[in-house]
Amino acid sequence: MSANDKHYRWIRLAKHCEVTGDTPDAVHARRRKRQWTDGVQCKLGPDGNLYINPEEYNRWVEGQQQPSNALAA
């Protein structure tokens, strides 16, 4: 993602896949398996399109889940 794109909090699924090499099927599988949380890493927009939060995606890749997403022991 270029420096100019960093100001966007949410990007469409197609752009996310273009930039990261991820696939739509992989993204939807993470949602089904609840590896991603709607409203955190991804979100359905009012237009019905799926949007991805690049900052939260990077945290997920790096294994830095937010404490609110962690399961209580």
N, C-alpha and C. Protein backbone atom coordinates (compact mmCIF):
# COMPACT_ATOMS: atom_id res chain seq x y z
N MET A 1 0.85 -1.16 0.00
CA MET A 1 0.00 0.00 0.00
C MET A 1 0.90 1.23 0.00
N SER A 2 0.58 2.20 -0.81
CA SER A 2 1.40 3.39 -0.88
C SER A 2 1.14 4.30 0.32
N ALA A 3 2.03 5.25 0.51
CA ALA A 3 1.90 6.18 1.63
C ALA A 3 0.59 6.97 1.55
N ASN A 4 0.11 7.23 0.34
CA ASN A 4 -1.13 7.98 0.17
C ASN A 4 -2.35 7.19 0.60
N ASP A 5 -2.27 5.87 0.59
CA ASP A 5 -3.41 5.03 0.96
C ASP A 5 -3.56 4.86 2.46
N LYS A 6 -2.59 5.22 3.25
CA LYS A 6 -2.61 4.94 4.68
C LYS A 6 -3.67 5.72 5.43
N HIS A 7 -4.21 6.77 4.85
CA HIS A 7 -5.21 7.55 5.58
C HIS A 7 -6.60 6.91 5.53
N TYR A 8 -6.76 5.85 4.76
CA TYR A 8 -8.05 5.17 4.71
C TYR A 8 -8.13 4.14 5.83
N ARG A 9 -9.21 4.19 6.58
CA ARG A 9 -9.40 3.20 7.64
C ARG A 9 -9.94 1.89 7.07
N TRP A 10 -10.78 1.98 6.04
CA TRP A 10 -11.39 0.80 5.42
C TRP A 10 -11.16 0.84 3.91
N ILE A 11 -10.76 -0.30 3.34
CA ILE A 11 -10.63 -0.42 1.89
C ILE A 11 -11.46 -1.60 1.41
N ARG A 12 -11.92 -1.53 0.17
CA ARG A 12 -12.75 -2.60 -0.37
C ARG A 12 -11.94 -3.89 -0.50
N LEU A 13 -12.63 -4.99 -0.42
CA LEU A 13 -12.00 -6.31 -0.49
C LEU A 13 -11.11 -6.45 -1.72
N ALA A 14 -11.59 -5.98 -2.88
CA ALA A 14 -10.81 -6.12 -4.11
C ALA A 14 -9.46 -5.41 -4.00
N LYS A 15 -9.45 -4.21 -3.42
CA LYS A 15 -8.20 -3.47 -3.25
C LYS A 15 -7.29 -4.17 -2.26
N HIS A 16 -7.86 -4.68 -1.18
CA HIS A 16 -7.07 -5.44 -0.20
C HIS A 16 -6.38 -6.62 -0.88
N CYS A 17 -7.12 -7.35 -1.68
CA CYS A 17 -6.55 -8.52 -2.37
C CYS A 17 -5.48 -8.11 -3.37
N GLU A 18 -5.72 -7.02 -4.07
CA GLU A 18 -4.74 -6.51 -5.03
C GLU A 18 -3.42 -6.16 -4.35
N VAL A 19 -3.51 -5.50 -3.21
CA VAL A 19 -2.32 -5.02 -2.51
C VAL A 19 -1.59 -6.13 -1.78
N THR A 20 -2.32 -7.06 -1.16
CA THR A 20 -1.70 -8.08 -0.30
C THR A 20 -1.47 -9.42 -0.97
N GLY A 21 -2.18 -9.70 -2.07
CA GLY A 21 -2.09 -11.02 -2.68
C GLY A 21 -3.04 -12.01 -2.04
N ASP A 22 -3.80 -11.57 -1.05
CA ASP A 22 -4.82 -12.39 -0.41
C ASP A 22 -5.91 -12.70 -1.44
N THR A 23 -6.76 -13.65 -1.16
CA THR A 23 -7.87 -13.96 -2.06
C THR A 23 -9.20 -13.71 -1.35
N PRO A 24 -10.24 -13.39 -2.10
CA PRO A 24 -11.55 -13.22 -1.47
C PRO A 24 -11.99 -14.48 -0.71
N ASP A 25 -11.72 -15.65 -1.28
CA ASP A 25 -12.11 -16.89 -0.60
C ASP A 25 -11.41 -17.03 0.75
N ALA A 26 -10.14 -16.66 0.81
CA ALA A 26 -9.40 -16.75 2.08
C ALA A 26 -9.98 -15.78 3.11
N VAL A 27 -10.33 -14.58 2.67
CA VAL A 27 -10.91 -13.59 3.59
C VAL A 27 -12.24 -14.10 4.13
N HIS A 28 -13.10 -14.60 3.25
CA HIS A 28 -14.40 -15.10 3.68
C HIS A 28 -14.25 -16.32 4.60
N ALA A 29 -13.25 -17.14 4.34
CA ALA A 29 -13.01 -18.30 5.21
C ALA A 29 -12.60 -17.85 6.61
N ARG A 30 -11.78 -16.81 6.72
CA ARG A 30 -11.39 -16.29 8.04
C ARG A 30 -12.60 -15.75 8.79
N ARG A 31 -13.53 -15.13 8.07
CA ARG A 31 -14.75 -14.65 8.72
C ARG A 31 -15.60 -15.82 9.20
N ARG A 32 -15.76 -16.85 8.37
CA ARG A 32 -16.56 -18.02 8.76
C ARG A 32 -15.96 -18.73 9.96
N LYS A 33 -14.63 -18.83 9.98
CA LYS A 33 -13.93 -19.52 11.08
C LYS A 33 -13.78 -18.62 12.31
N ARG A 34 -14.27 -17.39 12.20
CA ARG A 34 -14.18 -16.40 13.27
C ARG A 34 -12.75 -16.08 13.66
N GLN A 35 -11.83 -16.20 12.69
CA GLN A 35 -10.47 -15.73 12.90
C GLN A 35 -10.43 -14.21 12.79
N TRP A 36 -11.35 -13.67 12.03
CA TRP A 36 -11.52 -12.23 11.90
C TRP A 36 -12.86 -11.85 12.49
N THR A 37 -12.91 -10.68 13.11
CA THR A 37 -14.12 -10.18 13.73
C THR A 37 -14.71 -9.06 12.90
N ASP A 38 -16.00 -9.20 12.55
CA ASP A 38 -16.66 -8.12 11.83
C ASP A 38 -16.63 -6.86 12.68
N GLY A 39 -16.25 -5.76 12.06
CA GLY A 39 -16.12 -4.50 12.76
C GLY A 39 -14.70 -4.24 13.22
N VAL A 40 -13.83 -5.25 13.17
CA VAL A 40 -12.43 -5.07 13.54
C VAL A 40 -11.56 -5.20 12.29
N GLN A 41 -11.35 -6.42 11.81
CA GLN A 41 -10.55 -6.63 10.60
C GLN A 41 -11.36 -6.40 9.33
N CYS A 42 -12.66 -6.64 9.39
CA CYS A 42 -13.50 -6.52 8.21
C CYS A 42 -14.87 -5.98 8.61
N LYS A 43 -15.62 -5.53 7.59
CA LYS A 43 -16.91 -4.92 7.88
C LYS A 43 -17.73 -4.85 6.61
N LEU A 44 -19.02 -5.16 6.72
CA LEU A 44 -19.91 -4.97 5.59
C LEU A 44 -20.34 -3.51 5.56
N GLY A 45 -20.14 -2.88 4.42
CA GLY A 45 -20.51 -1.48 4.27
C GLY A 45 -21.99 -1.34 3.94
N PRO A 46 -22.50 -0.12 3.98
CA PRO A 46 -23.91 0.13 3.68
C PRO A 46 -24.26 -0.20 2.23
N ASP A 47 -23.23 -0.30 1.38
CA ASP A 47 -23.45 -0.65 -0.02
C ASP A 47 -23.42 -2.16 -0.26
N GLY A 48 -23.22 -2.94 0.81
CA GLY A 48 -23.18 -4.39 0.70
C GLY A 48 -21.81 -4.96 0.40
N ASN A 49 -20.82 -4.09 0.18
CA ASN A 49 -19.46 -4.55 -0.09
C ASN A 49 -18.72 -4.83 1.21
N LEU A 50 -17.77 -5.78 1.14
CA LEU A 50 -16.94 -6.09 2.30
C LEU A 50 -15.72 -5.17 2.28
N TYR A 51 -15.45 -4.56 3.42
CA TYR A 51 -14.30 -3.67 3.58
C TYR A 51 -13.33 -4.27 4.59
N ILE A 52 -12.05 -3.98 4.38
CA ILE A 52 -10.98 -4.49 5.23
C ILE A 52 -10.27 -3.30 5.88
N ASN A 53 -9.92 -3.44 7.16
CA ASN A 53 -9.18 -2.42 7.88
C ASN A 53 -7.69 -2.80 7.78
N PRO A 54 -6.91 -2.07 6.96
CA PRO A 54 -5.50 -2.43 6.76
C PRO A 54 -4.68 -2.47 8.04
N GLU A 55 -4.94 -1.55 8.96
CA GLU A 55 -4.19 -1.51 10.22
C GLU A 55 -4.45 -2.76 11.05
N GLU A 56 -5.72 -3.17 11.15
CA GLU A 56 -6.06 -4.37 11.90
C GLU A 56 -5.59 -5.64 11.19
N TYR A 57 -5.60 -5.61 9.87
CA TYR A 57 -5.06 -6.74 9.09
C TYR A 57 -3.58 -6.93 9.44
N ASN A 58 -2.83 -5.83 9.47
CA ASN A 58 -1.40 -5.92 9.80
C ASN A 58 -1.19 -6.44 11.22
N ARG A 59 -2.02 -5.99 12.15
CA ARG A 59 -1.92 -6.51 13.53
C ARG A 59 -2.18 -8.02 13.55
N TRP A 60 -3.17 -8.45 12.79
CA TRP A 60 -3.51 -9.88 12.74
C TRP A 60 -2.34 -10.67 12.17
N VAL A 61 -1.75 -10.18 11.09
CA VAL A 61 -0.61 -10.86 10.47
C VAL A 61 0.56 -10.98 11.44
N GLU A 62 0.77 -9.91 12.20
CA GLU A 62 1.88 -9.88 13.16
C GLU A 62 1.57 -10.58 14.48
N GLY A 63 0.32 -11.07 14.61
CA GLY A 63 -0.06 -11.78 15.82
C GLY A 63 -0.32 -10.88 17.00
N GLN A 64 -0.62 -9.61 16.74
CA GLN A 64 -0.84 -8.64 17.82
C GLN A 64 -2.33 -8.36 17.96
N GLN A 65 -3.09 -9.34 18.38
CA GLN A 65 -4.52 -9.16 18.58
C GLN A 65 -4.75 -8.19 19.72
N GLN A 66 -5.79 -7.39 19.62
CA GLN A 66 -6.13 -6.48 20.69
C GLN A 66 -6.65 -7.27 21.88
N PRO A 67 -6.37 -6.82 23.10
CA PRO A 67 -6.81 -7.54 24.30
C PRO A 67 -8.31 -7.82 24.32
N SER A 68 -9.13 -6.94 23.75
CA SER A 68 -10.57 -7.16 23.78
C SER A 68 -11.00 -8.36 22.95
N ASN A 69 -10.14 -8.81 22.05
CA ASN A 69 -10.45 -9.98 21.21
C ASN A 69 -9.96 -11.28 21.85
N ALA A 70 -9.13 -11.18 22.86
CA ALA A 70 -8.56 -12.38 23.49
C ALA A 70 -9.62 -13.10 24.33
N LEU A 71 -9.54 -14.40 24.34
CA LEU A 71 -10.47 -15.18 25.17
C LEU A 71 -10.01 -15.16 26.61
N ALA A 72 -10.94 -15.04 27.51
CA ALA A 72 -10.61 -15.05 28.93
C ALA A 72 -10.23 -16.46 29.36
N ALA A 73 -9.26 -16.56 30.23
CA ALA A 73 -8.80 -17.87 30.69
C ALA A 73 -9.65 -18.38 31.83
